[in-house]
Amino acid sequence: TLAQSILEALPLAMERGVQSSEATHLCQMHQEWIQLYWPTYHKEAHLALCRMYTEDSRFTAYYDKVKTGAAQFLFDAMAIYLT
């Protein structure tokens, strides 16, 4: 699934950095995944959602189960990708 592909892509993207092609691909997948569920897509709302991943321990745990710091990395990468 796309959600699983995102989790699998996180560690390599984290190794390569927020401005890497791997991070860009991760962000593209995350955007595609969000657009499956949102009838209207806005970059600002998407970034706010990713910020919530770092502020809500339930979401942080979901991403950080892959690698510690993954939720923060995803937010940082999305902040670059969406601006």
PDB file of N, CA and C in Angstrom:
ATOM      1  N   THR A   1       0.835  -1.190   0.000  1.00  0.00           N
ATOM      2  CA  THR A   1       0.000   0.000   0.000  1.00  0.00           C
ATOM      3  C   THR A   1       0.879   1.253   0.000  1.00  0.00           C
ATOM      4  N   LEU A   2       0.277   2.350  -0.341  1.00  0.00           N
ATOM      5  CA  LEU A   2       1.000   3.618  -0.369  1.00  0.00           C
ATOM      6  C   LEU A   2       1.470   4.018   1.025  1.00  0.00           C
ATOM      7  N   ALA A   3       0.629   3.802   2.025  1.00  0.00           N
ATOM      8  CA  ALA A   3       1.012   4.132   3.405  1.00  0.00           C
ATOM      9  C   ALA A   3       2.240   3.330   3.827  1.00  0.00           C
ATOM     10  N   GLN A   4       2.279   2.061   3.475  1.00  0.00           N
ATOM     11  CA  GLN A   4       3.426   1.221   3.807  1.00  0.00           C
ATOM     12  C   GLN A   4       4.663   1.664   3.036  1.00  0.00           C
ATOM     13  N   SER A   5       4.495   2.056   1.783  1.00  0.00           N
ATOM     14  CA  SER A   5       5.624   2.536   0.980  1.00  0.00           C
ATOM     15  C   SER A   5       6.238   3.787   1.582  1.00  0.00           C
ATOM     16  N   ILE A   6       5.401   4.639   2.153  1.00  0.00           N
ATOM     17  CA  ILE A   6       5.893   5.856   2.808  1.00  0.00           C
ATOM     18  C   ILE A   6       6.766   5.478   4.006  1.00  0.00           C
ATOM     19  N   LEU A   7       6.268   4.564   4.823  1.00  0.00           N
ATOM     20  CA  LEU A   7       7.036   4.137   5.996  1.00  0.00           C
ATOM     21  C   LEU A   7       8.351   3.483   5.581  1.00  0.00           C
ATOM     22  N   GLU A   8       8.321   2.705   4.526  1.00  0.00           N
ATOM     23  CA  GLU A   8       9.537   2.030   4.058  1.00  0.00           C
ATOM     24  C   GLU A   8      10.549   3.007   3.473  1.00  0.00           C
ATOM     25  N   ALA A   9      10.063   4.109   2.900  1.00  0.00           N
ATOM     26  CA  ALA A   9      10.951   5.092   2.274  1.00  0.00           C
ATOM     27  C   ALA A   9      11.599   6.033   3.289  1.00  0.00           C
ATOM     28  N   LEU A  10      11.023   6.146   4.466  1.00  0.00           N
ATOM     29  CA  LEU A  10      11.506   7.106   5.459  1.00  0.00           C
ATOM     30  C   LEU A  10      12.971   6.919   5.863  1.00  0.00           C
ATOM     31  N   PRO A  11      13.419   5.717   6.219  1.00  0.00           N
ATOM     32  CA  PRO A  11      14.805   5.591   6.691  1.00  0.00           C
ATOM     33  C   PRO A  11      15.853   6.043   5.666  1.00  0.00           C
ATOM     34  N   LEU A  12      15.689   5.659   4.416  1.00  0.00           N
ATOM     35  CA  LEU A  12      16.653   6.062   3.392  1.00  0.00           C
ATOM     36  C   LEU A  12      16.593   7.566   3.160  1.00  0.00           C
ATOM     37  N   ALA A  13      15.393   8.111   3.122  1.00  0.00           N
ATOM     38  CA  ALA A  13      15.253   9.558   2.950  1.00  0.00           C
ATOM     39  C   ALA A  13      15.933  10.294   4.101  1.00  0.00           C
ATOM     40  N   MET A  14      15.784   9.762   5.309  1.00  0.00           N
ATOM     41  CA  MET A  14      16.424  10.384   6.469  1.00  0.00           C
ATOM     42  C   MET A  14      17.940  10.333   6.351  1.00  0.00           C
ATOM     43  N   GLU A  15      18.456   9.228   5.854  1.00  0.00           N
ATOM     44  CA  GLU A  15      19.905   9.107   5.637  1.00  0.00           C
ATOM     45  C   GLU A  15      20.412  10.135   4.636  1.00  0.00           C
ATOM     46  N   ARG A  16      19.636  10.352   3.601  1.00  0.00           N
ATOM     47  CA  ARG A  16      20.076  11.211   2.497  1.00  0.00           C
ATOM     48  C   ARG A  16      19.822  12.695   2.745  1.00  0.00           C
ATOM     49  N   GLY A  17      18.864  13.022   3.610  1.00  0.00           N
ATOM     50  CA  GLY A  17      18.613  14.420   3.961  1.00  0.00           C
ATOM     51  C   GLY A  17      17.340  14.991   3.357  1.00  0.00           C
ATOM     52  N   VAL A  18      16.873  16.093   3.940  1.00  0.00           N
ATOM     53  CA  VAL A  18      15.570  16.672   3.558  1.00  0.00           C
ATOM     54  C   VAL A  18      15.536  17.223   2.138  1.00  0.00           C
ATOM     55  N   GLN A  19      16.688  17.508   1.562  1.00  0.00           N
ATOM     56  CA  GLN A  19      16.694  18.057   0.208  1.00  0.00           C
ATOM     57  C   GLN A  19      17.097  17.025  -0.842  1.00  0.00           C
ATOM     58  N   SER A  20      17.145  15.758  -0.453  1.00  0.00           N
ATOM     59  CA  SER A  20      17.547  14.696  -1.372  1.00  0.00           C
ATOM     60  C   SER A  20      16.399  14.290  -2.296  1.00  0.00           C
ATOM     61  N   SER A  21      16.746  13.602  -3.347  1.00  0.00           N
ATOM     62  CA  SER A  21      15.718  13.084  -4.256  1.00  0.00           C
ATOM     63  C   SER A  21      14.847  12.051  -3.535  1.00  0.00           C
ATOM     64  N   GLU A  22      15.426  11.323  -2.590  1.00  0.00           N
ATOM     65  CA  GLU A  22      14.652  10.351  -1.815  1.00  0.00           C
ATOM     66  C   GLU A  22      13.600  11.057  -0.954  1.00  0.00           C
ATOM     67  N   ALA A  23      13.966  12.187  -0.370  1.00  0.00           N
ATOM     68  CA  ALA A  23      13.005  12.955   0.427  1.00  0.00           C
ATOM     69  C   ALA A  23      11.909  13.526  -0.461  1.00  0.00           C
ATOM     70  N   THR A  24      12.281  13.996  -1.629  1.00  0.00           N
ATOM     71  CA  THR A  24      11.281  14.520  -2.564  1.00  0.00           C
ATOM     72  C   THR A  24      10.296  13.429  -2.955  1.00  0.00           C
ATOM     73  N   HIS A  25      10.811  12.244  -3.239  1.00  0.00           N
ATOM     74  CA  HIS A  25       9.939  11.120  -3.595  1.00  0.00           C
ATOM     75  C   HIS A  25       9.018  10.762  -2.426  1.00  0.00           C
ATOM     76  N   LEU A  26       9.558  10.756  -1.215  1.00  0.00           N
ATOM     77  CA  LEU A  26       8.764  10.511  -0.017  1.00  0.00           C
ATOM     78  C   LEU A  26       7.623  11.525   0.084  1.00  0.00           C
ATOM     79  N   CYS A  27       7.937  12.782  -0.129  1.00  0.00           N
ATOM     80  CA  CYS A  27       6.930  13.848  -0.044  1.00  0.00           C
ATOM     81  C   CYS A  27       5.872  13.702  -1.136  1.00  0.00           C
ATOM     82  N   GLN A  28       6.289  13.319  -2.313  1.00  0.00           N
ATOM     83  CA  GLN A  28       5.337  13.099  -3.411  1.00  0.00           C
ATOM     84  C   GLN A  28       4.364  11.976  -3.054  1.00  0.00           C
ATOM     85  N   MET A  29       4.903  10.904  -2.479  1.00  0.00           N
ATOM     86  CA  MET A  29       4.033   9.791  -2.072  1.00  0.00           C
ATOM     87  C   MET A  29       3.070  10.231  -0.973  1.00  0.00           C
ATOM     88  N   HIS A  30       3.575  11.014  -0.022  1.00  0.00           N
ATOM     89  CA  HIS A  30       2.713  11.465   1.074  1.00  0.00           C
ATOM     90  C   HIS A  30       1.607  12.368   0.536  1.00  0.00           C
ATOM     91  N   GLN A  31       1.935  13.234  -0.395  1.00  0.00           N
ATOM     92  CA  GLN A  31       0.930  14.109  -1.003  1.00  0.00           C
ATOM     93  C   GLN A  31      -0.119  13.273  -1.744  1.00  0.00           C
ATOM     94  N   GLU A  32       0.333  12.303  -2.494  1.00  0.00           N
ATOM     95  CA  GLU A  32      -0.596  11.428  -3.224  1.00  0.00           C
ATOM     96  C   GLU A  32      -1.508  10.694  -2.242  1.00  0.00           C
ATOM     97  N   TRP A  33      -0.947  10.214  -1.135  1.00  0.00           N
ATOM     98  CA  TRP A  33      -1.713   9.491  -0.129  1.00  0.00           C
ATOM     99  C   TRP A  33      -2.775  10.393   0.504  1.00  0.00           C
ATOM    100  N   ILE A  34      -2.392  11.612   0.858  1.00  0.00           N
ATOM    101  CA  ILE A  34      -3.338  12.559   1.462  1.00  0.00           C
ATOM    102  C   ILE A  34      -4.457  12.900   0.475  1.00  0.00           C
ATOM    103  N   GLN A  35      -4.107  13.076  -0.781  1.00  0.00           N
ATOM    104  CA  GLN A  35      -5.107  13.443  -1.784  1.00  0.00           C
ATOM    105  C   GLN A  35      -6.131  12.335  -2.030  1.00  0.00           C
ATOM    106  N   LEU A  36      -5.793  11.118  -1.651  1.00  0.00           N
ATOM    107  CA  LEU A  36      -6.771  10.029  -1.754  1.00  0.00           C
ATOM    108  C   LEU A  36      -7.937  10.238  -0.792  1.00  0.00           C
ATOM    109  N   TYR A  37      -7.680  10.940   0.308  1.00  0.00           N
ATOM    110  CA  TYR A  37      -8.674  11.081   1.369  1.00  0.00           C
ATOM    111  C   TYR A  37      -9.276  12.478   1.477  1.00  0.00           C
ATOM    112  N   TRP A  38      -8.619  13.455   0.910  1.00  0.00           N
ATOM    113  CA  TRP A  38      -9.114  14.829   1.001  1.00  0.00           C
ATOM    114  C   TRP A  38      -9.786  15.219  -0.313  1.00  0.00           C
ATOM    115  N   PRO A  39     -11.065  15.574  -0.270  1.00  0.00           N
ATOM    116  CA  PRO A  39     -11.747  15.973  -1.511  1.00  0.00           C
ATOM    117  C   PRO A  39     -11.170  17.269  -2.103  1.00  0.00           C
ATOM    118  N   THR A  40     -10.693  18.142  -1.241  1.00  0.00           N
ATOM    119  CA  THR A  40     -10.051  19.383  -1.683  1.00  0.00           C
ATOM    120  C   THR A  40      -8.686  19.451  -1.020  1.00  0.00           C
ATOM    121  N   TYR A  41      -7.649  19.633  -1.825  1.00  0.00           N
ATOM    122  CA  TYR A  41      -6.285  19.627  -1.309  1.00  0.00           C
ATOM    123  C   TYR A  41      -5.732  21.041  -1.239  1.00  0.00           C
ATOM    124  N   HIS A  42      -5.114  21.366  -0.103  1.00  0.00           N
ATOM    125  CA  HIS A  42      -4.424  22.643   0.070  1.00  0.00           C
ATOM    126  C   HIS A  42      -3.064  22.369   0.697  1.00  0.00           C
ATOM    127  N   LYS A  43      -2.024  22.933   0.131  1.00  0.00           N
ATOM    128  CA  LYS A  43      -0.671  22.731   0.643  1.00  0.00           C
ATOM    129  C   LYS A  43      -0.555  23.155   2.101  1.00  0.00           C
ATOM    130  N   GLU A  44      -1.197  24.277   2.453  1.00  0.00           N
ATOM    131  CA  GLU A  44      -1.106  24.794   3.812  1.00  0.00           C
ATOM    132  C   GLU A  44      -1.700  23.801   4.815  1.00  0.00           C
ATOM    133  N   ALA A  45      -2.829  23.204   4.458  1.00  0.00           N
ATOM    134  CA  ALA A  45      -3.470  22.222   5.338  1.00  0.00           C
ATOM    135  C   ALA A  45      -2.607  20.969   5.450  1.00  0.00           C
ATOM    136  N   HIS A  46      -1.988  20.585   4.354  1.00  0.00           N
ATOM    137  CA  HIS A  46      -1.115  19.411   4.368  1.00  0.00           C
ATOM    138  C   HIS A  46       0.075  19.641   5.301  1.00  0.00           C
ATOM    139  N   LEU A  47       0.672  20.808   5.204  1.00  0.00           N
ATOM    140  CA  LEU A  47       1.804  21.121   6.073  1.00  0.00           C
ATOM    141  C   LEU A  47       1.365  21.181   7.538  1.00  0.00           C
ATOM    142  N   ALA A  48       0.185  21.716   7.798  1.00  0.00           N
ATOM    143  CA  ALA A  48      -0.338  21.758   9.170  1.00  0.00           C
ATOM    144  C   ALA A  48      -0.550  20.339   9.700  1.00  0.00           C
ATOM    145  N   LEU A  49      -1.010  19.442   8.850  1.00  0.00           N
ATOM    146  CA  LEU A  49      -1.168  18.047   9.249  1.00  0.00           C
ATOM    147  C   LEU A  49       0.178  17.443   9.620  1.00  0.00           C
ATOM    148  N   CYS A  50       1.174  17.695   8.806  1.00  0.00           N
ATOM    149  CA  CYS A  50       2.518  17.172   9.087  1.00  0.00           C
ATOM    150  C   CYS A  50       3.093  17.777  10.361  1.00  0.00           C
ATOM    151  N   ARG A  51       2.776  19.040  10.642  1.00  0.00           N
ATOM    152  CA  ARG A  51       3.203  19.646  11.905  1.00  0.00           C
ATOM    153  C   ARG A  51       2.558  18.910  13.076  1.00  0.00           C
ATOM    154  N   MET A  52       1.297  18.536  12.898  1.00  0.00           N
ATOM    155  CA  MET A  52       0.603  17.801  13.949  1.00  0.00           C
ATOM    156  C   MET A  52       1.299  16.468  14.234  1.00  0.00           C
ATOM    157  N   TYR A  53       1.901  15.865  13.220  1.00  0.00           N
ATOM    158  CA  TYR A  53       2.635  14.615  13.433  1.00  0.00           C
ATOM    159  C   TYR A  53       3.732  14.796  14.482  1.00  0.00           C
ATOM    160  N   THR A  54       4.281  15.993  14.579  1.00  0.00           N
ATOM    161  CA  THR A  54       5.353  16.257  15.545  1.00  0.00           C
ATOM    162  C   THR A  54       4.806  16.704  16.902  1.00  0.00           C
ATOM    163  N   GLU A  55       3.551  17.097  16.950  1.00  0.00           N
ATOM    164  CA  GLU A  55       2.974  17.655  18.172  1.00  0.00           C
ATOM    165  C   GLU A  55       2.052  16.687  18.911  1.00  0.00           C
ATOM    166  N   ASP A  56       1.559  15.696  18.221  1.00  0.00           N
ATOM    167  CA  ASP A  56       0.650  14.724  18.818  1.00  0.00           C
ATOM    168  C   ASP A  56       1.412  13.404  18.957  1.00  0.00           C
ATOM    169  N   SER A  57       1.562  12.943  20.181  1.00  0.00           N
ATOM    170  CA  SER A  57       2.398  11.771  20.450  1.00  0.00           C
ATOM    171  C   SER A  57       1.917  10.516  19.722  1.00  0.00           C
ATOM    172  N   ARG A  58       0.633  10.429  19.432  1.00  0.00           N
ATOM    173  CA  ARG A  58       0.125   9.254  18.713  1.00  0.00           C
ATOM    174  C   ARG A  58       0.668   9.213  17.292  1.00  0.00           C
ATOM    175  N   PHE A  59       0.676  10.360  16.625  1.00  0.00           N
ATOM    176  CA  PHE A  59       1.207  10.420  15.259  1.00  0.00           C
ATOM    177  C   PHE A  59       2.727  10.310  15.259  1.00  0.00           C
ATOM    178  N   THR A  60       3.362  10.938  16.245  1.00  0.00           N
ATOM    179  CA  THR A  60       4.821  10.835  16.346  1.00  0.00           C
ATOM    180  C   THR A  60       5.219   9.370  16.500  1.00  0.00           C
ATOM    181  N   ALA A  61       4.519   8.640  17.343  1.00  0.00           N
ATOM    182  CA  ALA A  61       4.823   7.222  17.558  1.00  0.00           C
ATOM    183  C   ALA A  61       4.629   6.412  16.278  1.00  0.00           C
ATOM    184  N   TYR A  62       3.605   6.744  15.499  1.00  0.00           N
ATOM    185  CA  TYR A  62       3.346   6.023  14.251  1.00  0.00           C
ATOM    186  C   TYR A  62       4.541   6.132  13.303  1.00  0.00           C
ATOM    187  N   TYR A  63       5.066   7.322  13.127  1.00  0.00           N
ATOM    188  CA  TYR A  63       6.194   7.515  12.211  1.00  0.00           C
ATOM    189  C   TYR A  63       7.523   7.123  12.854  1.00  0.00           C
ATOM    190  N   ASP A  64       7.680   7.420  14.123  1.00  0.00           N
ATOM    191  CA  ASP A  64       8.956   7.142  14.793  1.00  0.00           C
ATOM    192  C   ASP A  64       9.178   5.655  15.060  1.00  0.00           C
ATOM    193  N   LYS A  65       8.137   4.828  14.861  1.00  0.00           N
ATOM    194  CA  LYS A  65       8.343   3.387  15.002  1.00  0.00           C
ATOM    195  C   LYS A  65       9.288   2.884  13.908  1.00  0.00           C
ATOM    196  N   VAL A  66       9.370   3.619  12.810  1.00  0.00           N
ATOM    197  CA  VAL A  66      10.262   3.268  11.716  1.00  0.00           C
ATOM    198  C   VAL A  66      11.695   3.645  12.074  1.00  0.00           C
ATOM    199  N   LYS A  67      11.846   4.867  12.593  1.00  0.00           N
ATOM    200  CA  LYS A  67      13.159   5.372  12.999  1.00  0.00           C
ATOM    201  C   LYS A  67      12.919   6.622  13.847  1.00  0.00           C
ATOM    202  N   THR A  68      13.606   6.723  14.942  1.00  0.00           N
ATOM    203  CA  THR A  68      13.448   7.882  15.821  1.00  0.00           C
ATOM    204  C   THR A  68      13.722   9.167  15.039  1.00  0.00           C
ATOM    205  N   GLY A  69      12.811  10.114  15.164  1.00  0.00           N
ATOM    206  CA  GLY A  69      12.950  11.386  14.467  1.00  0.00           C
ATOM    207  C   GLY A  69      12.236  11.421  13.122  1.00  0.00           C
ATOM    208  N   ALA A  70      11.580  10.338  12.751  1.00  0.00           N
ATOM    209  CA  ALA A  70      10.943  10.269  11.432  1.00  0.00           C
ATOM    210  C   ALA A  70       9.807  11.279  11.273  1.00  0.00           C
ATOM    211  N   ALA A  71       9.023  11.479  12.299  1.00  0.00           N
ATOM    212  CA  ALA A  71       7.922  12.443  12.205  1.00  0.00           C
ATOM    213  C   ALA A  71       8.462  13.850  11.969  1.00  0.00           C
ATOM    214  N   GLN A  72       9.489  14.216  12.699  1.00  0.00           N
ATOM    215  CA  GLN A  72      10.099  15.540  12.514  1.00  0.00           C
ATOM    216  C   GLN A  72      10.724  15.650  11.133  1.00  0.00           C
ATOM    217  N   PHE A  73      11.375  14.598  10.691  1.00  0.00           N
ATOM    218  CA  PHE A  73      11.980  14.605   9.356  1.00  0.00           C
ATOM    219  C   PHE A  73      10.906  14.804   8.291  1.00  0.00           C
ATOM    220  N   LEU A  74       9.802  14.073   8.408  1.00  0.00           N
ATOM    221  CA  LEU A  74       8.730  14.207   7.420  1.00  0.00           C
ATOM    222  C   LEU A  74       8.205  15.639   7.387  1.00  0.00           C
ATOM    223  N   PHE A  75       8.007  16.230   8.555  1.00  0.00           N
ATOM    224  CA  PHE A  75       7.558  17.624   8.587  1.00  0.00           C
ATOM    225  C   PHE A  75       8.583  18.538   7.925  1.00  0.00           C
ATOM    226  N   ASP A  76       9.849  18.379   8.259  1.00  0.00           N
ATOM    227  CA  ASP A  76      10.897  19.235   7.696  1.00  0.00           C
ATOM    228  C   ASP A  76      10.983  19.073   6.175  1.00  0.00           C
ATOM    229  N   ALA A  77      10.893  17.839   5.708  1.00  0.00           N
ATOM    230  CA  ALA A  77      10.955  17.581   4.263  1.00  0.00           C
ATOM    231  C   ALA A  77       9.726  18.164   3.559  1.00  0.00           C
ATOM    232  N   MET A  78       8.559  17.993   4.168  1.00  0.00           N
ATOM    233  CA  MET A  78       7.333  18.526   3.563  1.00  0.00           C
ATOM    234  C   MET A  78       7.356  20.054   3.542  1.00  0.00           C
ATOM    235  N   ALA A  79       7.941  20.672   4.565  1.00  0.00           N
ATOM    236  CA  ALA A  79       8.035  22.132   4.596  1.00  0.00           C
ATOM    237  C   ALA A  79       8.829  22.638   3.396  1.00  0.00           C
ATOM    238  N   ILE A  80       9.859  21.916   3.011  1.00  0.00           N
ATOM    239  CA  ILE A  80      10.649  22.286   1.832  1.00  0.00           C
ATOM    240  C   ILE A  80       9.874  21.982   0.565  1.00  0.00           C
ATOM    241  N   TYR A  81       9.310  20.785   0.497  1.00  0.00           N
ATOM    242  CA  TYR A  81       8.590  20.325  -0.699  1.00  0.00           C
ATOM    243  C   TYR A  81       7.373  21.201  -1.010  1.00  0.00           C
ATOM    244  N   LEU A  82       6.648  21.625   0.001  1.00  0.00           N
ATOM    245  CA  LEU A  82       5.388  22.345  -0.220  1.00  0.00           C
ATOM    246  C   LEU A  82       5.563  23.860  -0.364  1.00  0.00           C
ATOM    247  N   THR A  83       6.789  24.360  -0.221  1.00  0.00           N
ATOM    248  CA  THR A  83       6.969  25.799  -0.357  1.00  0.00           C
ATOM    249  C   THR A  83       7.802  26.144  -1.578  1.00  0.00           C
TER     250      THR A  83
END
